[in-house]
């Protein structure tokens, strides 16, 4: 896209909010905190005008934040991009560290999902047999019977892969 094409596609803050899912307040915050890679253009009346490049960058920011990247890391990444070529290895380290954190979160969520799926199966099986009584009861004897049944199927009270 040429500079002329980009200029002809300037967007208002409301349009950018609609395209990125960020609120107008969040866009102003991102600008104020230095999270954008370039200055936001202004009209003669002082209204913000964004380019498609700004929107593309903001969409990346949205994904990084949604995946848990701290604002400080996002700010550092934006600063590295603003500095231009020569710091790509540092950008890679920052992004790779974040990817590793996301991978760990995904692994933890998969373990949680496994426990939930197992428990859904336990309830579905009991309900299918018409014997849902005793599931998570406060009565110690009923709890022992349920645990014994669960242990006999290779599932402890908290099924975890070790």
Foldseek 3Di string as FASTA:
>chain_A
DDPVVQVVPWDFLVVLCVLQVNDSVVVVVCQVLQLFLDHFDADPVGTTIDTVNRSVSSNVVVVLVVLPDDPVLSNVLSVVVNVPPDCVVVNVVSVVVSVVVSVVVVVVVVQVVVQVVVVVVVQVVCVVVVHNPLVPDPDVVSVVVSQVVCVVVVAHPGRGDD
